[in-house]
Amino acid sequence: MVIEEAFVSGRFDTGGLVGFVTNNGQSTGAQPVINYSSFKGHVRGHGNQTGGLAGRVWGGSINYSRALAIVVSTAYVPADWLV
């Protein structure tokens, strides 16, 4: 399985994202992003977040709650988790 690297940067707010996506392997420009919950920080790589996260996520990851639940693929998470 090939996960193309993408760079997502911007301000993350409850249920919404203001930012820009580049280098996704297909195009450069604004891309649709779906947020399922509230989290803040920078997200780099391929990931889905469903929960509260404050900090930075690198690599492919799946988070299902405010605490770390599941991290798949290569992931480096220097984050302060909300309690």
Protein backbone atom coordinates (compact mmCIF):
# COMPACT_ATOMS: atom_id res chain seq x y z
CA MET A 1 0.00 0.00 0.00
CA VAL A 2 1.35 3.41 -0.93
CA ILE A 3 0.43 6.40 1.17
CA GLU A 4 1.21 9.60 -0.65
CA GLU A 5 2.55 12.29 1.59
CA ALA A 6 0.48 15.40 2.01
CA PHE A 7 1.04 18.58 3.92
CA VAL A 8 -1.91 20.05 5.77
CA SER A 9 -1.37 23.24 7.65
CA GLY A 10 -3.75 25.77 9.07
CA ARG A 11 -5.84 26.63 12.07
CA PHE A 12 -7.89 23.78 13.40
CA ASP A 13 -11.10 24.58 15.19
CA THR A 14 -14.12 22.66 16.40
CA GLY A 15 -15.55 20.85 13.43
CA GLY A 16 -13.69 22.96 10.90
CA LEU A 17 -10.38 23.63 9.20
CA VAL A 18 -8.94 26.76 7.70
CA GLY A 19 -5.80 25.92 5.79
CA PHE A 20 -4.13 24.81 2.60
CA VAL A 21 -3.13 21.44 1.18
CA THR A 22 -0.16 20.97 -1.14
CA ASN A 23 1.96 18.16 -2.54
CA ASN A 24 -0.69 15.48 -2.33
CA GLY A 25 0.64 13.72 -5.43
CA GLN A 26 -2.28 14.80 -7.57
CA SER A 27 -2.64 18.55 -7.39
CA THR A 28 -1.62 21.66 -5.55
CA GLY A 29 -4.34 23.81 -4.10
CA ALA A 30 -7.19 23.82 -1.68
CA GLN A 31 -8.52 20.33 -0.98
CA PRO A 32 -11.58 19.16 0.96
CA VAL A 33 -10.81 18.14 4.52
CA ILE A 34 -13.25 16.43 6.88
CA ASN A 35 -12.91 17.00 10.62
CA TYR A 36 -14.94 14.85 12.97
CA SER A 37 -14.17 16.65 16.20
CA SER A 38 -12.12 19.36 17.82
CA PHE A 39 -8.35 19.36 17.49
CA LYS A 40 -5.59 21.91 17.16
CA GLY A 41 -2.16 21.74 15.65
CA HIS A 42 -0.40 20.61 12.53
CA VAL A 43 -1.16 17.41 10.68
CA ARG A 44 1.36 16.02 8.23
CA GLY A 45 0.77 12.80 6.34
CA HIS A 46 -2.24 10.62 5.80
CA GLY A 47 -4.53 10.40 8.79
CA ASN A 48 -8.02 10.45 10.19
CA GLN A 49 -8.76 12.09 13.50
CA THR A 50 -11.91 11.39 15.47
CA GLY A 51 -11.36 12.88 18.87
CA GLY A 52 -9.76 15.74 20.73
CA LEU A 53 -6.11 16.35 19.91
CA ALA A 54 -3.82 19.25 20.69
CA GLY A 55 -0.36 19.16 19.20
CA ARG A 56 1.27 17.69 16.15
CA VAL A 57 0.75 14.43 14.25
CA TRP A 58 3.27 13.05 11.76
CA GLY A 59 2.58 10.00 9.61
CA GLY A 60 -0.46 7.84 9.20
CA SER A 61 -2.59 7.72 12.30
CA ILE A 62 -6.09 7.01 13.44
CA ASN A 63 -7.26 8.52 16.71
CA TYR A 64 -10.69 7.64 18.06
CA SER A 65 -10.87 9.52 21.34
CA ARG A 66 -9.26 12.20 23.47
CA ALA A 67 -6.67 9.68 24.60
CA LEU A 68 -4.43 7.84 22.17
CA ALA A 69 -6.36 4.81 20.98
CA ILE A 70 -4.79 3.47 17.80
CA VAL A 71 -1.79 4.62 15.79
CA VAL A 72 -1.05 2.83 12.53
CA SER A 73 1.78 3.12 10.05
CA THR A 74 4.79 5.21 10.98
CA ALA A 75 3.70 7.88 13.39
CA TYR A 76 5.51 10.41 15.53
CA VAL A 77 3.16 12.16 17.91
CA PRO A 78 4.68 14.89 20.07
CA ALA A 79 1.41 16.09 21.48
CA ASP A 80 -0.24 17.17 24.70
CA TRP A 81 -3.37 15.08 24.84
CA LEU A 82 -6.49 16.72 26.18
CA VAL A 83 -8.01 15.11 29.24
